[in-house]
Amino acid sequence: MLNGAAVIALVATTNPDAARRFYEDVLGLAFVEDSAFALVFAAGATMLRIQKVEDFTPHPFTALGWGVPDIAETASALTARGVTLERFGFPQQDDAGIWTAPNGDKVAWFKDPDGNTLSLTQFG
């Protein structure tokens, strides 16, 4: 039934101004709209709605991620823009903060201004 329907990604913010600066200026997503209920961005072919909420506790796991062709290059570009990659103490996490999974996939995590955990993945 939903196989051909477009997925809409959703995260929450209690600070729309900070969220807009981060997603637009730091991550480089295309801003679409600031409605009463959400900030809307185009993330490739996916609509990203950052819901405006009064109270929010971020989940302890990844809320949103991007598949990238070169994780080292993308992670470096983000850190140059002030993003801090999360470190979890995995033995396979390198000095840049990129973790290599047993199957060869590479993942790096970072947070948005509301504490949502975001990720980059380069599939092996």
Foldseek 3Di string as FASTA:
>chain_A
DCPPPADAAEAEDQDVVQQCCCVCVLVNWAWDDDDPFFTWTCDPPYIYTHGHDNDDDADPDAREEEEDQDVVVVLVSNVVVPWQWDADPDPQQDPSRWHQDPQGKIKIWTAGPNRHIYMYIHGD
